[in-house]
């Protein structure tokens, strides 16, 4: 049923694209900043351009890097709309007025969590998808070494996993910042930093891209990758022996978001893209391009194989606090000082 519905959405989008290309003429430009996987970014840019005739220039960076870019460009904005990436840096950009208030007429049709993201930001951002944090492990490598499979966050500290765990750098990656904020909320700040210092002994590297540890796990370059669970599921396509874990203690989650850049040079095109992204047909592009998050428009078919959030023990993630500039800056500085750069 889900596959048929997803196919129907894709066919609907195809019809829209045919209409758009038939009437294609210059409709202006759009600079899209994108913080999801490259394949999804390109699919969005291509589909929107074909449908509307609006020429799209796309730049892909992780959410932490994109937030830093918006800050650097505050006085001379280059982007028009920022799509995807964890919601915390979108909320931080909203608090610093780096993004523009916009209340979509589609908002009442969206999931509650997507609307709450808009409310938290005074309509400077909106939720476009949701995903739970967890990790994946390479079962083939685990069996080869005769190791017991991990099931909890605490298992990642086991001495046999020395140099065999990978997570991204939270200064660059929204995924890894969600991990940091999740540990603080799950354990309390002091126990969380004690955990992260002990975990550091088992880390082989901190890449800048949040999904990279899942890909490394699939290739057998590391045993365990801390990622959003949908990224671990996507890694199973490359290697069916990747196993996905919802940690037994509970876990945090992301509300992937979208924002219009304040002072955008193409505001009309940005609003048009914003409305288009909230449609079921556009949101279905995620699933067809390797992304299995839960869409914010409930009329969008659920991607086959997507994590069942009702079966995951989710914490009551405090987006207002951990998406604030002060708290995010403080936690990242402490992590860099006491964990990454500790001697």
Protein backbone atom coordinates (compact mmCIF):
# COMPACT_ATOMS: atom_id res chain seq x y z
CA UNK A 1 0.00 0.00 0.00
CA UNK A 2 2.74 2.45 0.95
CA UNK A 3 4.69 1.71 -2.24
CA UNK A 4 1.58 2.24 -4.40
CA UNK A 5 0.85 5.52 -2.67
CA UNK A 6 4.45 6.63 -3.10
CA UNK A 7 4.31 5.73 -6.80
CA UNK A 8 1.08 7.73 -7.14
CA UNK A 9 2.75 10.76 -5.58
CA UNK A 10 5.70 10.39 -7.93
CA UNK A 11 3.37 10.17 -10.93
CA UNK A 12 1.52 13.28 -9.74
CA UNK A 13 4.83 15.10 -9.48
CA UNK A 14 5.75 13.86 -12.95
CA UNK A 15 2.53 15.34 -14.29
CA UNK A 16 3.33 18.64 -12.65
CA UNK A 17 6.81 18.58 -14.17
CA UNK A 18 5.40 17.91 -17.63
CA UNK A 19 3.05 20.85 -17.31
CA UNK A 20 5.85 23.02 -15.99
CA UNK A 21 8.31 22.11 -18.74
CA UNK A 22 5.67 22.67 -21.41
CA UNK A 23 5.17 26.21 -20.21
CA UNK A 24 8.80 26.71 -19.25
CA UNK A 25 10.06 30.23 -19.63
CA UNK A 26 12.27 32.43 -17.53
CA UNK A 27 10.62 32.83 -14.13
CA UNK A 28 13.57 34.26 -12.22
CA UNK A 29 16.23 32.67 -10.05
CA UNK A 30 16.47 30.93 -6.68
CA UNK A 31 19.54 30.26 -4.58
CA UNK A 32 18.79 27.21 -2.47
CA UNK A 33 20.93 26.30 0.52
CA UNK A 34 20.47 22.61 1.28
CA UNK A 35 21.45 20.49 4.28
CA UNK A 36 20.10 17.03 3.41
CA UNK A 37 21.92 14.43 1.33
CA UNK A 38 23.30 15.54 -2.04
CA UNK A 39 20.97 13.31 -4.05
CA UNK A 40 17.84 14.73 -2.41
CA UNK A 41 19.15 18.29 -2.75
CA UNK A 42 19.70 17.85 -6.48
CA UNK A 43 16.33 16.17 -6.97
CA UNK A 44 14.55 19.09 -5.28
CA UNK A 45 16.43 21.66 -7.33
CA UNK A 46 15.81 19.82 -10.62
CA UNK A 47 12.11 19.14 -9.99
CA UNK A 48 11.33 22.67 -8.87
CA UNK A 49 13.20 24.18 -11.81
CA UNK A 50 11.46 21.93 -14.31
CA UNK A 51 8.04 22.58 -12.82
CA UNK A 52 8.25 26.35 -12.45
CA UNK A 53 10.87 27.56 -14.92
CA UNK A 54 12.72 29.18 -11.99
CA UNK A 55 16.47 28.64 -12.35
CA UNK A 56 17.86 27.04 -9.17
CA UNK A 57 21.43 27.36 -7.93
CA UNK A 58 21.97 24.84 -5.14
CA UNK A 59 24.68 24.72 -2.48
CA UNK A 60 24.92 21.74 -0.13
CA UNK A 61 26.48 21.96 3.36
CA UNK A 62 25.75 20.37 6.73
CA UNK A 63 23.36 22.29 8.98
CA UNK A 64 26.05 23.62 11.33
CA UNK A 65 28.13 24.82 8.40
CA UNK A 66 25.10 26.40 6.76
CA UNK A 67 24.15 28.25 9.92
CA UNK A 68 27.71 29.62 10.09
CA UNK A 69 27.39 30.66 6.44
CA UNK A 70 24.19 32.61 7.15
CA UNK A 71 25.92 34.41 10.00
CA UNK A 72 28.87 35.28 7.78
CA UNK A 73 26.53 36.57 5.05
CA UNK A 74 24.25 38.50 7.41
CA UNK A 75 25.01 41.86 5.82
CA UNK A 76 25.12 40.55 2.27
CA UNK A 77 22.80 37.53 1.94
CA UNK A 78 23.58 35.25 -0.99
CA UNK A 79 20.98 32.54 -0.37
CA UNK A 80 17.19 32.74 -0.67
CA UNK A 81 15.92 29.63 1.10
CA UNK A 82 17.50 27.07 3.42
CA UNK A 83 16.08 23.55 3.14
CA UNK A 84 16.67 20.73 5.60
CA UNK A 85 19.14 19.94 8.30
CA UNK A 86 18.32 19.62 11.99
CA UNK A 87 15.94 22.17 13.45
CA UNK A 88 18.25 23.45 16.20
CA UNK A 89 20.42 25.66 13.95
CA UNK A 90 17.28 26.84 12.13
CA UNK A 91 15.90 27.97 15.51
CA UNK A 92 19.20 29.62 16.32
CA UNK A 93 19.15 31.45 12.97
CA UNK A 94 15.57 32.52 13.70
CA UNK A 95 16.52 33.90 17.13
CA UNK A 96 19.31 35.92 15.51
CA UNK A 97 16.88 37.17 12.83
CA UNK A 98 18.95 35.63 10.04
CA UNK A 99 15.72 34.29 8.56
CA UNK A 100 12.46 35.90 7.49
CA UNK A 101 9.03 35.44 9.12
CA UNK A 102 6.61 33.66 6.80
CA UNK A 103 3.37 31.93 7.76
CA UNK A 104 2.37 29.44 5.12
CA UNK A 105 -1.33 28.88 4.37
CA UNK A 106 -0.43 25.17 4.32
CA UNK A 107 0.64 25.26 7.99
CA UNK A 108 -2.70 24.01 9.46
CA UNK A 109 -2.44 20.87 7.31
CA UNK A 110 0.96 19.82 8.70
CA UNK A 111 1.86 17.45 11.54
CA UNK A 112 1.71 18.91 15.06
CA UNK A 113 5.49 18.78 15.47
CA UNK A 114 5.98 20.74 12.24
CA UNK A 115 3.58 23.45 13.38
CA UNK A 116 5.23 23.65 16.82
CA UNK A 117 8.55 24.31 15.12
CA UNK A 118 6.95 27.30 13.36
CA UNK A 119 5.46 28.54 16.64
CA UNK A 120 8.82 28.31 18.46
CA UNK A 121 10.47 30.47 15.81
CA UNK A 122 7.66 33.01 15.37
CA UNK A 123 7.17 31.54 11.89
CA UNK A 124 10.78 31.98 10.84
CA UNK A 125 11.10 28.24 10.17
CA UNK A 126 8.85 25.19 9.73
CA UNK A 127 9.24 21.44 10.15
CA UNK A 128 9.55 19.47 6.90
CA UNK A 129 10.52 16.02 8.24
CA UNK A 130 11.26 14.15 11.47
CA UNK A 131 13.86 11.50 12.30
CA UNK A 132 15.07 9.63 15.40
CA UNK A 133 18.69 9.41 16.53
CA UNK A 134 20.39 6.04 16.98
CA UNK A 135 23.24 4.11 15.44
CA UNK A 136 24.05 1.35 13.01
CA UNK A 137 26.57 -1.46 13.27
CA UNK A 138 28.17 -3.82 10.78
CA UNK A 139 26.97 -7.30 11.71
CA UNK A 140 29.45 -9.08 9.43
CA UNK A 141 32.42 -7.43 11.13
CA UNK A 142 30.92 -7.96 14.58
CA UNK A 143 30.52 -11.69 13.98
CA UNK A 144 33.97 -11.99 12.44
CA UNK A 145 35.42 -10.61 15.69
CA UNK A 146 33.02 -12.63 17.85
CA UNK A 147 31.60 -9.51 19.53
CA UNK A 148 28.19 -9.07 21.14
CA UNK A 149 25.90 -6.63 19.32
CA UNK A 150 25.35 -3.28 21.07
CA UNK A 151 21.80 -2.35 22.11
CA UNK A 152 22.19 0.74 24.30
CA UNK A 153 24.14 3.99 24.43
CA UNK A 154 26.15 2.53 27.31
CA UNK A 155 27.33 -0.35 25.08
CA UNK A 156 29.31 2.07 22.92
CA UNK A 157 31.76 2.49 25.83
CA UNK A 158 32.81 -1.17 25.82
CA UNK A 159 36.61 -1.56 25.55
CA UNK A 160 36.35 -3.91 22.56
CA UNK A 161 34.97 -0.98 20.56
CA UNK A 162 38.16 1.09 21.01
CA UNK A 163 38.68 3.03 17.77
CA UNK A 164 35.59 1.43 16.22
CA UNK A 165 32.87 4.07 16.76
CA UNK A 166 32.31 7.03 14.49
CA UNK A 167 30.16 10.13 14.95
CA UNK A 168 30.28 13.52 13.28
CA UNK A 169 31.65 16.71 14.78
CA UNK A 170 28.77 18.60 16.47
CA UNK A 171 30.35 21.93 15.52
CA UNK A 172 29.62 21.12 11.87
CA UNK A 173 26.91 18.48 11.99
CA UNK A 174 23.34 18.89 13.21
CA UNK A 175 23.16 15.11 13.67
CA UNK A 176 26.06 15.14 16.10
CA UNK A 177 24.76 18.22 17.94
CA UNK A 178 21.49 16.32 18.41
CA UNK A 179 23.58 13.50 19.93
CA UNK A 180 25.28 15.96 22.31
CA UNK A 181 22.00 17.60 23.36
CA UNK A 182 20.32 14.21 23.69
CA UNK A 183 22.96 12.92 26.10
CA UNK A 184 22.64 16.06 28.25
CA UNK A 185 18.85 15.71 28.42
CA UNK A 186 18.93 11.96 28.94
CA UNK A 187 21.62 11.85 31.64
CA UNK A 188 22.11 15.35 33.02
CA UNK A 189 24.99 17.55 31.91
CA UNK A 190 27.83 16.28 34.12
CA UNK A 191 27.12 12.55 33.57
CA UNK A 192 26.65 13.28 29.86
CA UNK A 193 30.06 14.90 29.53
CA UNK A 194 31.62 12.05 31.49
CA UNK A 195 29.98 9.68 28.98
CA UNK A 196 31.20 11.68 25.98
CA UNK A 197 34.77 11.78 27.33
CA UNK A 198 34.75 8.01 27.75
CA UNK A 199 33.15 7.58 24.32
CA UNK A 200 35.95 9.71 22.83
CA UNK A 201 38.40 6.86 23.60
CA UNK A 202 36.42 4.65 21.22
CA UNK A 203 35.97 7.24 18.42
CA UNK A 204 38.07 6.77 15.30
CA UNK A 205 37.19 10.15 13.74
CA UNK A 206 34.69 13.01 13.72
CA UNK A 207 33.68 13.75 10.10
CA UNK A 208 31.79 16.94 9.26
CA UNK A 209 28.78 15.25 7.61
CA UNK A 210 26.19 13.64 9.88
CA UNK A 211 25.38 10.68 7.64
CA UNK A 212 29.04 9.82 6.95
CA UNK A 213 29.37 7.36 9.88
CA UNK A 214 26.54 5.23 8.45
CA UNK A 215 28.29 5.06 5.09
CA UNK A 216 31.59 4.17 6.77
CA UNK A 217 29.82 1.40 8.69
CA UNK A 218 28.35 -0.01 5.48
CA UNK A 219 31.83 -0.05 3.87
CA UNK A 220 33.33 -1.84 6.89
CA UNK A 221 35.60 1.10 7.73
CA UNK A 222 34.17 1.30 11.25
CA UNK A 223 32.05 -1.08 13.32
CA UNK A 224 29.51 1.46 14.61
CA UNK A 225 28.20 4.76 13.26
CA UNK A 226 26.13 7.20 15.37
CA UNK A 227 23.56 8.68 13.01
CA UNK A 228 19.87 9.26 12.53
CA UNK A 229 18.21 5.90 12.14
CA UNK A 230 16.94 6.65 8.64
CA UNK A 231 20.57 7.15 7.54
CA UNK A 232 21.48 3.74 8.93
CA UNK A 233 18.51 2.23 7.08
CA UNK A 234 19.70 3.90 3.89
CA UNK A 235 23.16 2.38 4.48
CA UNK A 236 21.49 -1.05 4.45
CA UNK A 237 20.85 -0.55 0.74
CA UNK A 238 24.59 -0.60 0.17
CA UNK A 239 25.19 -3.34 2.74
CA UNK A 240 22.27 -5.47 3.99
CA UNK A 241 24.39 -6.48 7.00
CA UNK A 242 24.08 -3.03 8.60
CA UNK A 243 21.81 -3.28 11.64
CA UNK A 244 19.90 -0.33 13.10
CA UNK A 245 19.66 0.33 16.84
CA UNK A 246 17.15 2.40 18.81
CA UNK A 247 19.12 2.71 22.07
CA UNK A 248 17.47 1.09 25.09
CA UNK A 249 17.82 4.19 27.33
CA UNK A 250 15.80 6.33 24.90
CA UNK A 251 16.90 8.79 22.26
CA UNK A 252 16.44 12.26 20.82
CA UNK A 253 15.15 13.26 17.44
CA UNK A 254 15.34 15.98 14.83
CA UNK A 255 12.74 18.16 13.22
CA UNK A 256 14.33 18.90 9.86
CA UNK A 257 13.34 22.44 8.96
CA UNK A 258 13.10 25.03 6.21
CA UNK A 259 13.63 28.80 6.42
CA UNK A 260 13.61 31.82 4.11
CA UNK A 261 16.80 33.87 4.37
CA UNK A 262 16.33 37.39 5.66
CA UNK A 263 17.13 39.91 2.95
CA UNK A 264 16.82 37.25 0.23
CA UNK A 265 17.37 38.65 -3.27
CA UNK A 266 14.57 36.50 -4.68
CA UNK A 267 11.86 36.51 -2.00
CA UNK A 268 8.95 35.70 -4.31
CA UNK A 269 10.72 32.64 -5.69
CA UNK A 270 11.73 31.64 -2.16
CA UNK A 271 8.10 31.69 -0.98
CA UNK A 272 7.05 29.72 -4.04
CA UNK A 273 9.67 27.07 -3.28
CA UNK A 274 8.60 27.03 0.38
CA UNK A 275 4.97 26.31 -0.55
CA UNK A 276 5.97 23.68 -3.09
CA UNK A 277 8.13 21.81 -0.55
CA UNK A 278 5.15 21.46 1.78
CA UNK A 279 3.10 19.57 -0.84
CA UNK A 280 2.87 15.75 -0.68
CA UNK A 281 4.29 15.34 -4.19
CA UNK A 282 7.42 17.35 -3.38
CA UNK A 283 7.89 15.69 0.02
CA UNK A 284 7.73 12.25 -1.63
CA UNK A 285 11.03 13.08 -3.36
CA UNK A 286 12.85 12.35 -0.10
CA UNK A 287 11.96 8.67 -0.13
CA UNK A 288 12.81 8.25 -3.81
CA UNK A 289 16.23 9.77 -3.22
CA UNK A 290 17.55 7.75 -0.32
CA UNK A 291 15.96 9.60 2.62
CA UNK A 292 13.48 7.85 4.90
CA UNK A 293 12.44 10.58 7.34
CA UNK A 294 8.80 11.03 8.36
CA UNK A 295 7.29 13.79 6.14
CA UNK A 296 5.58 16.79 7.75
CA UNK A 297 2.59 16.72 5.41
CA UNK A 298 0.48 13.73 6.56
CA UNK A 299 -0.90 13.29 3.04
CA UNK A 300 2.59 12.26 1.90
CA UNK A 301 2.96 8.46 1.72
CA UNK A 302 5.22 7.07 4.45
CA UNK A 303 8.47 5.86 2.87
CA UNK A 304 8.66 2.03 2.84
CA UNK A 305 11.19 0.93 5.44
CA UNK A 306 11.12 4.21 7.38
CA UNK A 307 11.59 3.88 11.17
CA UNK A 308 8.33 3.44 13.09
CA UNK A 309 8.54 6.31 15.57
CA UNK A 310 5.73 4.81 17.66
CA UNK A 311 8.09 1.92 18.49
CA UNK A 312 11.02 4.15 19.50
CA UNK A 313 11.53 5.47 23.02
CA UNK A 314 11.82 9.20 22.31
CA UNK A 315 12.82 11.71 24.97
CA UNK A 316 10.91 14.95 25.46
CA UNK A 317 13.47 16.94 23.47
CA UNK A 318 13.59 20.60 24.51
CA UNK A 319 13.98 22.34 21.15
CA UNK A 320 13.53 25.83 22.56
CA UNK A 321 16.43 25.46 24.99
CA UNK A 322 18.86 23.42 22.91
CA UNK A 323 18.09 25.38 19.77
CA UNK A 324 18.96 28.67 21.49
CA UNK A 325 22.13 30.53 20.59
CA UNK A 326 23.42 30.71 24.17
CA UNK A 327 22.92 27.03 25.03
CA UNK A 328 24.15 25.71 21.71
CA UNK A 329 27.27 27.89 21.80
CA UNK A 330 28.02 26.94 25.40
CA UNK A 331 27.62 23.18 24.87
CA UNK A 332 29.67 23.16 21.68
CA UNK A 333 32.48 25.12 23.34
CA UNK A 334 32.51 22.72 26.29
CA UNK A 335 32.48 19.66 24.03
CA UNK A 336 35.35 21.02 21.93
CA UNK A 337 37.39 21.92 25.00
CA UNK A 338 36.72 18.91 27.22
CA UNK A 339 36.15 16.12 24.72
CA UNK A 340 37.59 16.69 21.25
CA UNK A 341 40.66 18.68 22.30
CA UNK A 342 41.23 17.10 25.71
CA UNK A 343 44.67 15.64 26.32
